[in-house]
N, C-alpha and C. Protein backbone atom coordinates (compact mmCIF):
# COMPACT_ATOMS: atom_id res chain seq x y z
N MET A 1 -66.52 -36.94 24.52
CA MET A 1 -66.67 -36.34 25.83
C MET A 1 -67.03 -37.44 26.83
N THR A 2 -66.40 -37.40 27.97
CA THR A 2 -66.70 -38.39 29.00
C THR A 2 -67.94 -37.98 29.79
N ASN A 3 -68.50 -38.94 30.49
CA ASN A 3 -69.67 -38.66 31.34
C ASN A 3 -69.31 -37.62 32.40
N GLN A 4 -68.12 -37.71 32.97
CA GLN A 4 -67.70 -36.76 34.00
C GLN A 4 -67.58 -35.34 33.43
N GLU A 5 -67.07 -35.22 32.21
CA GLU A 5 -66.97 -33.90 31.58
C GLU A 5 -68.36 -33.30 31.33
N ALA A 6 -69.29 -34.15 30.91
CA ALA A 6 -70.67 -33.68 30.68
C ALA A 6 -71.31 -33.24 32.00
N ILE A 7 -71.07 -34.00 33.06
CA ILE A 7 -71.61 -33.65 34.38
C ILE A 7 -71.06 -32.29 34.82
N GLU A 8 -69.77 -32.09 34.64
CA GLU A 8 -69.15 -30.81 35.04
C GLU A 8 -69.72 -29.63 34.25
N LEU A 9 -70.06 -29.84 32.98
CA LEU A 9 -70.62 -28.76 32.17
C LEU A 9 -72.02 -28.36 32.61
N ILE A 10 -72.80 -29.31 33.09
CA ILE A 10 -74.19 -28.99 33.49
C ILE A 10 -74.38 -28.97 35.00
N ASP A 11 -73.30 -29.09 35.75
CA ASP A 11 -73.38 -29.12 37.21
C ASP A 11 -74.10 -27.89 37.76
N GLY A 12 -74.96 -28.12 38.72
CA GLY A 12 -75.69 -27.03 39.36
C GLY A 12 -77.04 -26.73 38.73
N GLY A 13 -77.30 -27.30 37.57
CA GLY A 13 -78.56 -27.03 36.89
C GLY A 13 -79.73 -27.83 37.43
N ALA A 14 -79.45 -28.97 38.00
CA ALA A 14 -80.51 -29.84 38.54
C ALA A 14 -80.37 -29.91 40.05
N ASN A 15 -81.23 -29.21 40.75
CA ASN A 15 -81.19 -29.18 42.20
C ASN A 15 -82.50 -29.72 42.77
N GLY A 16 -82.46 -30.17 43.98
CA GLY A 16 -83.68 -30.60 44.65
C GLY A 16 -83.57 -32.02 45.18
N GLU A 17 -84.52 -32.34 46.03
CA GLU A 17 -84.54 -33.66 46.66
C GLU A 17 -85.67 -34.52 46.15
N HIS A 18 -86.66 -33.92 45.48
CA HIS A 18 -87.83 -34.66 45.02
C HIS A 18 -87.69 -34.99 43.55
N ALA A 19 -88.35 -36.06 43.13
CA ALA A 19 -88.31 -36.50 41.73
C ALA A 19 -88.67 -35.34 40.81
N GLN A 20 -87.99 -35.28 39.68
CA GLN A 20 -88.18 -34.19 38.73
C GLN A 20 -88.44 -34.76 37.34
N TYR A 21 -88.97 -33.89 36.45
CA TYR A 21 -89.21 -34.26 35.06
C TYR A 21 -88.51 -33.25 34.16
N TRP A 22 -87.61 -33.75 33.32
CA TRP A 22 -86.80 -32.91 32.44
C TRP A 22 -86.96 -33.35 30.98
N LEU A 23 -86.81 -32.40 30.06
CA LEU A 23 -86.67 -32.67 28.64
C LEU A 23 -85.23 -32.39 28.25
N ASP A 24 -84.66 -33.24 27.42
CA ASP A 24 -83.35 -32.98 26.81
C ASP A 24 -83.61 -32.80 25.32
N LEU A 25 -83.67 -31.54 24.89
CA LEU A 25 -83.98 -31.23 23.51
C LEU A 25 -82.73 -31.32 22.65
N GLY A 26 -82.81 -32.13 21.60
CA GLY A 26 -81.64 -32.38 20.76
C GLY A 26 -80.66 -33.28 21.49
N CYS A 27 -81.17 -34.36 22.05
CA CYS A 27 -80.36 -35.21 22.95
C CYS A 27 -79.24 -35.96 22.26
N GLY A 28 -79.31 -36.12 20.94
CA GLY A 28 -78.26 -36.88 20.25
C GLY A 28 -78.13 -38.27 20.83
N THR A 29 -76.93 -38.73 20.98
CA THR A 29 -76.70 -40.09 21.48
C THR A 29 -76.92 -40.24 22.98
N GLY A 30 -77.20 -39.13 23.65
CA GLY A 30 -77.54 -39.20 25.07
C GLY A 30 -76.42 -38.86 26.03
N THR A 31 -75.35 -38.27 25.56
CA THR A 31 -74.23 -37.93 26.45
C THR A 31 -74.70 -37.09 27.63
N PHE A 32 -75.43 -36.01 27.34
CA PHE A 32 -75.88 -35.13 28.42
C PHE A 32 -77.12 -35.69 29.12
N THR A 33 -77.91 -36.49 28.43
CA THR A 33 -79.06 -37.16 29.06
C THR A 33 -78.58 -38.06 30.19
N LYS A 34 -77.56 -38.84 29.89
CA LYS A 34 -77.00 -39.76 30.89
C LYS A 34 -76.35 -38.99 32.04
N ALA A 35 -75.67 -37.91 31.72
CA ALA A 35 -75.05 -37.10 32.78
C ALA A 35 -76.13 -36.52 33.69
N LEU A 36 -77.19 -36.00 33.10
CA LEU A 36 -78.30 -35.46 33.89
C LEU A 36 -78.92 -36.53 34.77
N ALA A 37 -79.07 -37.73 34.22
CA ALA A 37 -79.66 -38.84 34.99
C ALA A 37 -78.86 -39.13 36.26
N THR A 38 -77.55 -38.96 36.22
CA THR A 38 -76.74 -39.23 37.41
C THR A 38 -76.88 -38.12 38.45
N MET A 39 -77.39 -36.96 38.03
CA MET A 39 -77.50 -35.81 38.93
C MET A 39 -78.88 -35.66 39.56
N LEU A 40 -79.90 -36.25 38.96
CA LEU A 40 -81.27 -36.06 39.44
C LEU A 40 -81.59 -36.95 40.63
N PRO A 41 -82.56 -36.54 41.44
CA PRO A 41 -83.00 -37.38 42.56
C PRO A 41 -83.67 -38.67 42.05
N ALA A 42 -83.77 -39.64 42.93
CA ALA A 42 -84.39 -40.92 42.60
C ALA A 42 -85.80 -40.71 42.05
N TYR A 43 -86.18 -41.58 41.13
CA TYR A 43 -87.51 -41.64 40.52
C TYR A 43 -87.81 -40.46 39.60
N SER A 44 -86.79 -39.71 39.22
CA SER A 44 -86.98 -38.63 38.26
C SER A 44 -87.18 -39.23 36.86
N LYS A 45 -87.62 -38.36 35.93
CA LYS A 45 -87.87 -38.79 34.56
C LYS A 45 -87.22 -37.81 33.59
N ILE A 46 -86.67 -38.35 32.51
CA ILE A 46 -86.10 -37.54 31.45
C ILE A 46 -86.70 -38.02 30.13
N THR A 47 -87.11 -37.08 29.30
CA THR A 47 -87.50 -37.41 27.94
C THR A 47 -86.47 -36.79 27.01
N GLY A 48 -85.79 -37.64 26.27
CA GLY A 48 -84.83 -37.18 25.27
C GLY A 48 -85.56 -36.99 23.95
N VAL A 49 -85.32 -35.86 23.31
CA VAL A 49 -85.97 -35.53 22.04
C VAL A 49 -84.89 -35.26 21.00
N ASP A 50 -85.01 -35.93 19.86
CA ASP A 50 -84.07 -35.70 18.77
C ASP A 50 -84.77 -36.02 17.46
N LYS A 51 -84.38 -35.34 16.39
CA LYS A 51 -85.03 -35.60 15.11
C LYS A 51 -84.51 -36.87 14.45
N ASN A 52 -83.43 -37.42 14.98
CA ASN A 52 -82.90 -38.70 14.51
C ASN A 52 -83.12 -39.77 15.57
N THR A 53 -83.47 -40.97 15.16
CA THR A 53 -83.70 -42.06 16.10
C THR A 53 -82.46 -42.32 16.93
N GLN A 54 -82.65 -42.42 18.23
CA GLN A 54 -81.55 -42.67 19.17
C GLN A 54 -81.91 -43.85 20.07
N GLN A 55 -80.91 -44.53 20.56
CA GLN A 55 -81.09 -45.63 21.50
C GLN A 55 -80.59 -45.18 22.87
N LEU A 56 -81.52 -44.76 23.72
CA LEU A 56 -81.16 -44.32 25.08
C LEU A 56 -81.52 -45.42 26.06
N PRO A 57 -80.78 -45.55 27.14
CA PRO A 57 -81.12 -46.56 28.14
C PRO A 57 -82.46 -46.21 28.79
N PRO A 58 -83.33 -47.20 29.04
CA PRO A 58 -84.64 -46.90 29.63
C PRO A 58 -84.59 -46.47 31.08
N GLN A 59 -83.49 -46.78 31.76
CA GLN A 59 -83.38 -46.41 33.18
C GLN A 59 -81.90 -46.33 33.54
N MET A 60 -81.60 -45.42 34.47
CA MET A 60 -80.23 -45.28 34.95
C MET A 60 -80.20 -45.03 36.44
N GLY A 61 -79.08 -45.37 37.03
CA GLY A 61 -78.77 -45.01 38.41
C GLY A 61 -79.88 -45.18 39.41
N LYS A 62 -80.25 -44.07 40.00
CA LYS A 62 -81.21 -44.04 41.11
C LYS A 62 -82.65 -44.17 40.60
N GLN A 63 -82.88 -45.13 39.73
CA GLN A 63 -84.19 -45.37 39.16
C GLN A 63 -84.73 -44.15 38.42
N VAL A 64 -83.84 -43.50 37.68
CA VAL A 64 -84.24 -42.38 36.82
C VAL A 64 -84.65 -42.99 35.48
N SER A 65 -85.90 -42.77 35.08
CA SER A 65 -86.38 -43.34 33.82
C SER A 65 -86.11 -42.39 32.67
N ILE A 66 -85.79 -42.98 31.52
CA ILE A 66 -85.47 -42.21 30.33
C ILE A 66 -86.35 -42.71 29.19
N LYS A 67 -87.00 -41.76 28.52
CA LYS A 67 -87.85 -42.07 27.38
C LYS A 67 -87.31 -41.27 26.20
N PHE A 68 -87.49 -41.80 24.99
CA PHE A 68 -87.05 -41.09 23.79
C PHE A 68 -88.23 -40.79 22.89
N ILE A 69 -88.24 -39.57 22.34
CA ILE A 69 -89.24 -39.17 21.35
C ILE A 69 -88.50 -38.67 20.12
N GLU A 70 -88.83 -39.25 18.96
CA GLU A 70 -88.26 -38.76 17.71
C GLU A 70 -89.11 -37.59 17.22
N ALA A 71 -88.54 -36.39 17.26
CA ALA A 71 -89.26 -35.18 16.86
C ALA A 71 -88.27 -34.06 16.62
N ASP A 72 -88.69 -33.09 15.82
CA ASP A 72 -87.91 -31.88 15.61
C ASP A 72 -88.52 -30.82 16.51
N PHE A 73 -87.88 -30.53 17.63
CA PHE A 73 -88.47 -29.60 18.60
C PHE A 73 -88.61 -28.19 18.05
N GLY A 74 -87.91 -27.88 16.96
CA GLY A 74 -88.02 -26.56 16.36
C GLY A 74 -89.29 -26.37 15.56
N THR A 75 -89.91 -27.48 15.14
CA THR A 75 -91.11 -27.38 14.31
C THR A 75 -92.31 -28.15 14.84
N GLU A 76 -92.09 -29.04 15.79
CA GLU A 76 -93.17 -29.87 16.32
C GLU A 76 -93.50 -29.49 17.76
N ALA A 77 -94.79 -29.49 18.08
CA ALA A 77 -95.23 -29.18 19.44
C ALA A 77 -94.93 -30.37 20.36
N LEU A 78 -94.44 -30.07 21.55
CA LEU A 78 -94.14 -31.10 22.54
C LEU A 78 -94.92 -30.80 23.81
N GLU A 79 -95.32 -31.86 24.51
CA GLU A 79 -96.01 -31.71 25.79
C GLU A 79 -94.98 -31.27 26.82
N MET A 80 -95.23 -30.13 27.45
CA MET A 80 -94.27 -29.61 28.42
C MET A 80 -94.88 -29.37 29.80
N ALA A 81 -96.08 -29.87 30.00
CA ALA A 81 -96.73 -29.69 31.30
C ALA A 81 -95.96 -30.43 32.39
N GLY A 82 -95.77 -29.77 33.50
CA GLY A 82 -95.14 -30.39 34.66
C GLY A 82 -93.63 -30.48 34.60
N LEU A 83 -93.01 -29.79 33.67
CA LEU A 83 -91.55 -29.84 33.57
C LEU A 83 -90.87 -29.11 34.71
N ASP A 84 -89.75 -29.67 35.14
CA ASP A 84 -88.90 -29.00 36.11
C ASP A 84 -87.69 -28.36 35.44
N GLY A 85 -87.37 -28.82 34.22
CA GLY A 85 -86.22 -28.24 33.54
C GLY A 85 -86.11 -28.73 32.11
N ILE A 86 -85.37 -27.97 31.32
CA ILE A 86 -85.07 -28.31 29.93
C ILE A 86 -83.56 -28.23 29.74
N LEU A 87 -82.99 -29.29 29.22
CA LEU A 87 -81.57 -29.34 28.91
C LEU A 87 -81.41 -29.20 27.40
N MET A 88 -80.54 -28.29 26.97
CA MET A 88 -80.33 -28.06 25.54
C MET A 88 -78.83 -28.03 25.23
N ALA A 89 -78.07 -28.89 25.87
CA ALA A 89 -76.61 -28.87 25.74
C ALA A 89 -76.15 -29.16 24.31
N ASN A 90 -76.77 -30.11 23.63
CA ASN A 90 -76.39 -30.43 22.25
C ASN A 90 -77.06 -29.51 21.25
N SER A 91 -78.28 -29.16 21.49
CA SER A 91 -79.12 -28.53 20.47
C SER A 91 -78.78 -27.07 20.18
N LEU A 92 -78.22 -26.36 21.11
CA LEU A 92 -77.97 -24.93 20.90
C LEU A 92 -77.03 -24.66 19.72
N SER A 93 -76.10 -25.56 19.47
CA SER A 93 -75.17 -25.34 18.37
C SER A 93 -75.75 -25.73 17.02
N PHE A 94 -76.90 -26.43 17.01
CA PHE A 94 -77.47 -26.90 15.75
C PHE A 94 -78.78 -26.25 15.38
N HIS A 95 -79.51 -25.68 16.31
CA HIS A 95 -80.84 -25.16 16.05
C HIS A 95 -80.79 -23.81 15.36
N GLN A 96 -81.57 -23.71 14.30
CA GLN A 96 -81.71 -22.43 13.61
C GLN A 96 -83.11 -21.93 13.87
N GLY A 97 -83.23 -20.82 14.59
CA GLY A 97 -84.52 -20.34 15.03
C GLY A 97 -85.20 -19.48 14.12
């Protein structure tokens, strides 16, 4: 999937002019994390979460910072205070609730 295709799939989900904080649960290799980073306002933050170690870029575009946490969001507690949104584009097809 190209970055443009990922952007089109999540278009409209991230709105606003002020910096935001998002979680990408089940981020995988970061296809949708990177797409989200291009859509967020400057100085926003994204935390990618996946149960497998991933190499995500630490920063993209308009100074959007990206952090990675290795965790299974289905069984492990995550800090969610102050979130503006949660992206689950990859994880919905894999998570068994």
